[in-house]
Amino acid sequence: VTALVNQAKAGSKSAFEQLVDLFHEDMLRMVYYRTRALMDAEDITQEIFLNAFKSLSKLKKVEHFRIWLLRIGLNRISDFYRKKRVRAIFGAYSDDDNIDQSDIINNNQPEAMNNLVKQEFWKHIGVLMEKLSSMEREVFLLRFMDHLNIREISQVLRRSESAVKTHLYRALKKFRKEHLIIREETILK
């Protein structure tokens, strides 16, 4: 990867395209976990790579390309939600816009049951995410959805490893508590 980043920094579009191929799926998944809308995730992912291409000369340590790319991604996601809030204030956005048509369950499909289970899973994750602070939420997602280790999360968020561990501990404690509540509700139904 380091060699590709060096080549891309030197102006090789082919090397940058290879980097896009290497990291596209991970970036799309990261964005999707945060937006829960495939079309938005695809658009934001494209913006991430465009921004990375334009800013590649500013990358100081080529070995930190992935961390740098994740940081760009988190910034684009923040921009997305900031714009969304502004549109909501002016009435140009409704909650119906948040529905991703590709995620709607079609009962004629054989995987309808699987989609229903996924929908229930994401509903529970959504309930949990609402109970976490923004930093706990981001640390939780980076750790368990994006599979980053503590050191990488620390680098992406520009926080100390001990701060990351603290936020992760708090998030896990809330997750366990919420999981018990959900299990009790399921048993009582």
C-alpha atoms as a PDB file:
ATOM      1  CA  VAL A   1       0.000   0.000   0.000  1.00  0.00           C
ATOM      2  CA  THR A   2       2.817   2.396   0.878  1.00  0.00           C
ATOM      3  CA  ALA A   3       4.305   2.019  -2.599  1.00  0.00           C
ATOM      4  CA  LEU A   4       0.930   2.767  -4.211  1.00  0.00           C
ATOM      5  CA  VAL A   5       0.465   5.836  -2.022  1.00  0.00           C
ATOM      6  CA  ASN A   6       3.937   7.096  -2.978  1.00  0.00           C
ATOM      7  CA  GLN A   7       3.183   6.538  -6.662  1.00  0.00           C
ATOM      8  CA  ALA A   8      -0.183   8.298  -6.322  1.00  0.00           C
ATOM      9  CA  LYS A   9       1.486  11.228  -4.560  1.00  0.00           C
ATOM     10  CA  ALA A  10       3.924  11.404  -7.469  1.00  0.00           C
ATOM     11  CA  GLY A  11       0.961  11.830  -9.820  1.00  0.00           C
ATOM     12  CA  SER A  12       0.076   8.277 -10.870  1.00  0.00           C
ATOM     13  CA  LYS A  13      -3.675   8.104 -11.445  1.00  0.00           C
ATOM     14  CA  SER A  14      -3.376   4.349 -11.946  1.00  0.00           C
ATOM     15  CA  ALA A  15      -1.874   3.951  -8.467  1.00  0.00           C
ATOM     16  CA  PHE A  16      -4.669   6.040  -6.961  1.00  0.00           C
ATOM     17  CA  GLU A  17      -7.284   3.941  -8.786  1.00  0.00           C
ATOM     18  CA  GLN A  18      -5.693   0.845  -7.240  1.00  0.00           C
ATOM     19  CA  LEU A  19      -5.954   2.487  -3.807  1.00  0.00           C
ATOM     20  CA  VAL A  20      -9.623   3.203  -4.482  1.00  0.00           C
ATOM     21  CA  ASP A  21     -10.119  -0.458  -5.413  1.00  0.00           C
ATOM     22  CA  LEU A  22      -8.371  -1.543  -2.206  1.00  0.00           C
ATOM     23  CA  PHE A  23     -10.303   0.721   0.162  1.00  0.00           C
ATOM     24  CA  HIS A  24     -13.643   1.348  -1.569  1.00  0.00           C
ATOM     25  CA  GLU A  25     -15.555  -1.491   0.071  1.00  0.00           C
ATOM     26  CA  ASP A  26     -14.310  -0.608   3.579  1.00  0.00           C
ATOM     27  CA  MET A  27     -15.137   3.076   3.124  1.00  0.00           C
ATOM     28  CA  LEU A  28     -18.592   2.349   1.706  1.00  0.00           C
ATOM     29  CA  ARG A  29     -19.344   0.034   4.624  1.00  0.00           C
ATOM     30  CA  MET A  30     -18.119   2.633   7.132  1.00  0.00           C
ATOM     31  CA  VAL A  31     -20.307   5.341   5.617  1.00  0.00           C
ATOM     32  CA  TYR A  32     -23.310   3.029   5.310  1.00  0.00           C
ATOM     33  CA  TYR A  33     -23.132   2.079   8.996  1.00  0.00           C
ATOM     34  CA  ARG A  34     -23.449   5.770   9.798  1.00  0.00           C
ATOM     35  CA  THR A  35     -26.064   6.844   7.229  1.00  0.00           C
ATOM     36  CA  ARG A  36     -28.090   3.643   6.789  1.00  0.00           C
ATOM     37  CA  ALA A  37     -28.901   4.749   3.241  1.00  0.00           C
ATOM     38  CA  LEU A  38     -27.091   3.076   0.365  1.00  0.00           C
ATOM     39  CA  MET A  39     -27.425   5.925  -2.133  1.00  0.00           C
ATOM     40  CA  ASP A  40     -26.126   8.470   0.380  1.00  0.00           C
ATOM     41  CA  ALA A  41     -23.298   6.130   1.346  1.00  0.00           C
ATOM     42  CA  GLU A  42     -22.269   5.723  -2.286  1.00  0.00           C
ATOM     43  CA  ASP A  43     -22.310   9.498  -2.863  1.00  0.00           C
ATOM     44  CA  ILE A  44     -20.336  10.230   0.295  1.00  0.00           C
ATOM     45  CA  THR A  45     -17.819   7.491  -0.501  1.00  0.00           C
ATOM     46  CA  GLN A  46     -17.235   9.047  -3.904  1.00  0.00           C
ATOM     47  CA  GLU A  47     -16.733  12.444  -2.225  1.00  0.00           C
ATOM     48  CA  ILE A  48     -14.200  10.879   0.162  1.00  0.00           C
ATOM     49  CA  PHE A  49     -12.060   9.590  -2.673  1.00  0.00           C
ATOM     50  CA  LEU A  50     -12.355  12.833  -4.647  1.00  0.00           C
ATOM     51  CA  ASN A  51     -11.274  14.760  -1.571  1.00  0.00           C
ATOM     52  CA  ALA A  52      -8.424  12.316  -0.954  1.00  0.00           C
ATOM     53  CA  PHE A  53      -7.227  12.656  -4.542  1.00  0.00           C
ATOM     54  CA  LYS A  54      -7.234  16.457  -4.325  1.00  0.00           C
ATOM     55  CA  SER A  55      -5.500  16.471  -0.926  1.00  0.00           C
ATOM     56  CA  LEU A  56      -3.037  13.623  -1.400  1.00  0.00           C
ATOM     57  CA  SER A  57      -0.081  16.005  -1.513  1.00  0.00           C
ATOM     58  CA  LYS A  58      -0.914  17.047   2.079  1.00  0.00           C
ATOM     59  CA  LEU A  59      -0.521  13.494   3.421  1.00  0.00           C
ATOM     60  CA  LYS A  60       2.688  13.570   5.461  1.00  0.00           C
ATOM     61  CA  LYS A  61       3.081   9.910   6.434  1.00  0.00           C
ATOM     62  CA  VAL A  62       2.169   7.569   3.579  1.00  0.00           C
ATOM     63  CA  GLU A  63       1.990   4.627   5.983  1.00  0.00           C
ATOM     64  CA  HIS A  64      -1.006   6.332   7.615  1.00  0.00           C
ATOM     65  CA  PHE A  65      -3.021   6.495   4.382  1.00  0.00           C
ATOM     66  CA  ARG A  66      -5.850   4.343   5.717  1.00  0.00           C
ATOM     67  CA  ILE A  67      -6.147   6.385   8.922  1.00  0.00           C
ATOM     68  CA  TRP A  68      -6.073   9.602   6.874  1.00  0.00           C
ATOM     69  CA  LEU A  69      -8.774   8.237   4.554  1.00  0.00           C
ATOM     70  CA  LEU A  70     -10.966   7.274   7.515  1.00  0.00           C
ATOM     71  CA  ARG A  71     -10.547  10.761   8.959  1.00  0.00           C
ATOM     72  CA  ILE A  72     -11.663  12.272   5.642  1.00  0.00           C
ATOM     73  CA  GLY A  73     -14.624   9.897   5.714  1.00  0.00           C
ATOM     74  CA  LEU A  74     -15.719  10.944   9.184  1.00  0.00           C
ATOM     75  CA  ASN A  75     -15.462  14.597   8.155  1.00  0.00           C
ATOM     76  CA  ARG A  76     -17.603  14.009   5.036  1.00  0.00           C
ATOM     77  CA  ILE A  77     -20.197  12.197   7.164  1.00  0.00           C
ATOM     78  CA  SER A  78     -20.284  15.155   9.577  1.00  0.00           C
ATOM     79  CA  ASP A  79     -20.743  17.489   6.601  1.00  0.00           C
ATOM     80  CA  PHE A  80     -23.574  15.286   5.317  1.00  0.00           C
ATOM     81  CA  TYR A  81     -25.457  15.485   8.620  1.00  0.00           C
ATOM     82  CA  ARG A  82     -24.800  19.200   8.959  1.00  0.00           C
ATOM     83  CA  LYS A  83     -26.313  19.808   5.492  1.00  0.00           C
ATOM     84  CA  LYS A  84     -29.193  17.500   6.330  1.00  0.00           C
ATOM     85  CA  ARG A  85     -29.988  19.522   9.470  1.00  0.00           C
ATOM     86  CA  VAL A  86     -29.902  22.776   7.499  1.00  0.00           C
ATOM     87  CA  ARG A  87     -32.269  21.334   4.882  1.00  0.00           C
ATOM     88  CA  ALA A  88     -34.592  20.126   7.646  1.00  0.00           C
ATOM     89  CA  ILE A  89     -34.697  23.602   9.171  1.00  0.00           C
ATOM     90  CA  PHE A  90     -35.791  25.074   5.856  1.00  0.00           C
ATOM     91  CA  GLY A  91     -38.280  22.313   5.101  1.00  0.00           C
ATOM     92  CA  ALA A  92     -36.393  20.890   2.125  1.00  0.00           C
ATOM     93  CA  TYR A  93     -35.985  17.532   3.813  1.00  0.00           C
ATOM     94  CA  SER A  94     -38.491  15.167   5.354  1.00  0.00           C
ATOM     95  CA  ASP A  95     -38.087  11.942   7.282  1.00  0.00           C
ATOM     96  CA  ASP A  96     -39.367  10.060   4.241  1.00  0.00           C
ATOM     97  CA  ASP A  97     -36.171  11.045   2.414  1.00  0.00           C
ATOM     98  CA  ASN A  98     -34.220   8.867   4.840  1.00  0.00           C
ATOM     99  CA  ILE A  99     -35.820   5.680   3.529  1.00  0.00           C
ATOM    100  CA  ASP A 100     -33.451   3.821   1.250  1.00  0.00           C
ATOM    101  CA  GLN A 101     -35.570   2.116  -1.381  1.00  0.00           C
ATOM    102  CA  SER A 102     -33.024  -0.700  -1.710  1.00  0.00           C
ATOM    103  CA  ASP A 103     -33.618  -1.634   1.926  1.00  0.00           C
ATOM    104  CA  ILE A 104     -37.403  -2.025   1.662  1.00  0.00           C
ATOM    105  CA  ILE A 105     -38.552  -5.592   2.173  1.00  0.00           C
ATOM    106  CA  ASN A 106     -40.277  -7.219  -0.780  1.00  0.00           C
ATOM    107  CA  ASN A 107     -42.323 -10.166   0.482  1.00  0.00           C
ATOM    108  CA  ASN A 108     -42.031 -11.908  -2.889  1.00  0.00           C
ATOM    109  CA  GLN A 109     -38.294 -12.334  -2.461  1.00  0.00           C
ATOM    110  CA  PRO A 110     -37.015 -15.537  -0.867  1.00  0.00           C
ATOM    111  CA  GLU A 111     -34.708 -13.537   1.395  1.00  0.00           C
ATOM    112  CA  ALA A 112     -37.597 -11.536   2.897  1.00  0.00           C
ATOM    113  CA  MET A 113     -37.171 -13.270   6.265  1.00  0.00           C
ATOM    114  CA  ASN A 114     -33.447 -12.553   6.246  1.00  0.00           C
ATOM    115  CA  ASN A 115     -34.192  -8.896   5.467  1.00  0.00           C
ATOM    116  CA  LEU A 116     -36.661  -8.794   8.353  1.00  0.00           C
ATOM    117  CA  VAL A 117     -34.010 -10.139  10.745  1.00  0.00           C
ATOM    118  CA  LYS A 118     -31.523  -7.555   9.463  1.00  0.00           C
ATOM    119  CA  GLN A 119     -34.104  -4.807   9.880  1.00  0.00           C
ATOM    120  CA  GLU A 120     -34.720  -5.896  13.479  1.00  0.00           C
ATOM    121  CA  PHE A 121     -30.969  -6.012  14.166  1.00  0.00           C
ATOM    122  CA  TRP A 122     -30.474  -2.462  12.842  1.00  0.00           C
ATOM    123  CA  LYS A 123     -33.482  -1.283  14.836  1.00  0.00           C
ATOM    124  CA  HIS A 124     -31.796  -2.542  18.030  1.00  0.00           C
ATOM    125  CA  ILE A 125     -28.464  -1.005  17.006  1.00  0.00           C
ATOM    126  CA  GLY A 126     -30.290   2.284  16.356  1.00  0.00           C
ATOM    127  CA  VAL A 127     -31.794   2.217  19.855  1.00  0.00           C
ATOM    128  CA  LEU A 128     -28.339   1.632  21.302  1.00  0.00           C
ATOM    129  CA  MET A 129     -26.724   4.375  19.223  1.00  0.00           C
ATOM    130  CA  GLU A 130     -29.249   6.909  20.537  1.00  0.00           C
ATOM    131  CA  LYS A 131     -28.132   6.151  24.089  1.00  0.00           C
ATOM    132  CA  LEU A 132     -24.450   6.722  23.390  1.00  0.00           C
ATOM    133  CA  SER A 133     -22.667  10.047  23.365  1.00  0.00           C
ATOM    134  CA  SER A 134     -21.288  11.054  19.963  1.00  0.00           C
ATOM    135  CA  MET A 135     -17.758  10.004  20.944  1.00  0.00           C
ATOM    136  CA  GLU A 136     -18.925   6.679  22.439  1.00  0.00           C
ATOM    137  CA  ARG A 137     -20.918   6.028  19.256  1.00  0.00           C
ATOM    138  CA  GLU A 138     -17.974   6.756  16.983  1.00  0.00           C
ATOM    139  CA  VAL A 139     -15.541   4.653  19.030  1.00  0.00           C
ATOM    140  CA  PHE A 140     -18.061   1.783  19.118  1.00  0.00           C
ATOM    141  CA  LEU A 141     -18.614   1.919  15.349  1.00  0.00           C
ATOM    142  CA  LEU A 142     -14.917   2.197  14.556  1.00  0.00           C
ATOM    143  CA  ARG A 143     -14.132  -0.761  16.806  1.00  0.00           C
ATOM    144  CA  PHE A 144     -16.940  -3.186  16.019  1.00  0.00           C
ATOM    145  CA  MET A 145     -18.231  -2.171  12.607  1.00  0.00           C
ATOM    146  CA  ASP A 146     -15.028  -0.928  10.997  1.00  0.00           C
ATOM    147  CA  HIS A 147     -12.762  -3.389  12.870  1.00  0.00           C
ATOM    148  CA  LEU A 148     -10.118  -0.869  13.929  1.00  0.00           C
ATOM    149  CA  ASN A 149      -7.941  -1.538  16.942  1.00  0.00           C
ATOM    150  CA  ILE A 150      -7.559   0.924  19.828  1.00  0.00           C
ATOM    151  CA  ARG A 151      -4.407   2.473  18.399  1.00  0.00           C
ATOM    152  CA  GLU A 152      -5.994   3.042  14.984  1.00  0.00           C
ATOM    153  CA  ILE A 153      -9.116   4.556  16.545  1.00  0.00           C
ATOM    154  CA  SER A 154      -6.872   6.826  18.572  1.00  0.00           C
ATOM    155  CA  GLN A 155      -5.153   7.997  15.395  1.00  0.00           C
ATOM    156  CA  VAL A 156      -8.372   8.485  13.426  1.00  0.00           C
ATOM    157  CA  LEU A 157     -10.072  10.476  16.182  1.00  0.00           C
ATOM    158  CA  ARG A 158      -6.888  12.199  17.340  1.00  0.00           C
ATOM    159  CA  ARG A 159      -7.544  11.149  20.923  1.00  0.00           C
ATOM    160  CA  SER A 160      -5.306   9.335  23.383  1.00  0.00           C
ATOM    161  CA  GLU A 161      -5.586   5.566  23.595  1.00  0.00           C
ATOM    162  CA  SER A 162      -6.760   5.839  27.199  1.00  0.00           C
ATOM    163  CA  ALA A 163      -9.561   8.223  26.141  1.00  0.00           C
ATOM    164  CA  VAL A 164     -10.594   5.779  23.408  1.00  0.00           C
ATOM    165  CA  LYS A 165     -10.612   2.901  25.905  1.00  0.00           C
ATOM    166  CA  THR A 166     -12.735   4.942  28.313  1.00  0.00           C
ATOM    167  CA  HIS A 167     -15.319   5.762  25.635  1.00  0.00           C
ATOM    168  CA  LEU A 168     -15.349   2.162  24.444  1.00  0.00           C
ATOM    169  CA  TYR A 169     -15.808   0.879  28.008  1.00  0.00           C
ATOM    170  CA  ARG A 170     -18.748   3.260  28.545  1.00  0.00           C
ATOM    171  CA  ALA A 171     -20.306   2.278  25.217  1.00  0.00           C
ATOM    172  CA  LEU A 172     -19.979  -1.432  26.003  1.00  0.00           C
ATOM    173  CA  LYS A 173     -21.486  -0.934  29.444  1.00  0.00           C
ATOM    174  CA  LYS A 174     -24.497   0.823  27.883  1.00  0.00           C
ATOM    175  CA  PHE A 175     -24.677  -1.847  25.174  1.00  0.00           C
ATOM    176  CA  ARG A 176     -24.830  -4.635  27.767  1.00  0.00           C
ATOM    177  CA  LYS A 177     -27.519  -2.805  29.721  1.00  0.00           C
ATOM    178  CA  GLU A 178     -29.574  -2.163  26.560  1.00  0.00           C
ATOM    179  CA  HIS A 179     -29.094  -5.765  25.420  1.00  0.00           C
ATOM    180  CA  LEU A 180     -30.548  -7.025  28.725  1.00  0.00           C
ATOM    181  CA  ILE A 181     -33.543  -4.694  28.373  1.00  0.00           C
ATOM    182  CA  ILE A 182     -34.187  -5.879  24.808  1.00  0.00           C
ATOM    183  CA  ARG A 183     -33.886  -9.544  25.852  1.00  0.00           C
ATOM    184  CA  GLU A 184     -36.360  -9.000  28.706  1.00  0.00           C
ATOM    185  CA  GLU A 185     -38.812  -7.264  26.366  1.00  0.00           C
ATOM    186  CA  THR A 186     -38.492 -10.146  23.867  1.00  0.00           C
ATOM    187  CA  ILE A 187     -39.094 -12.756  26.572  1.00  0.00           C
ATOM    188  CA  LEU A 188     -42.136 -10.912  27.902  1.00  0.00           C
ATOM    189  CA  LYS A 189     -43.810 -10.720  24.443  1.00  0.00           C
END
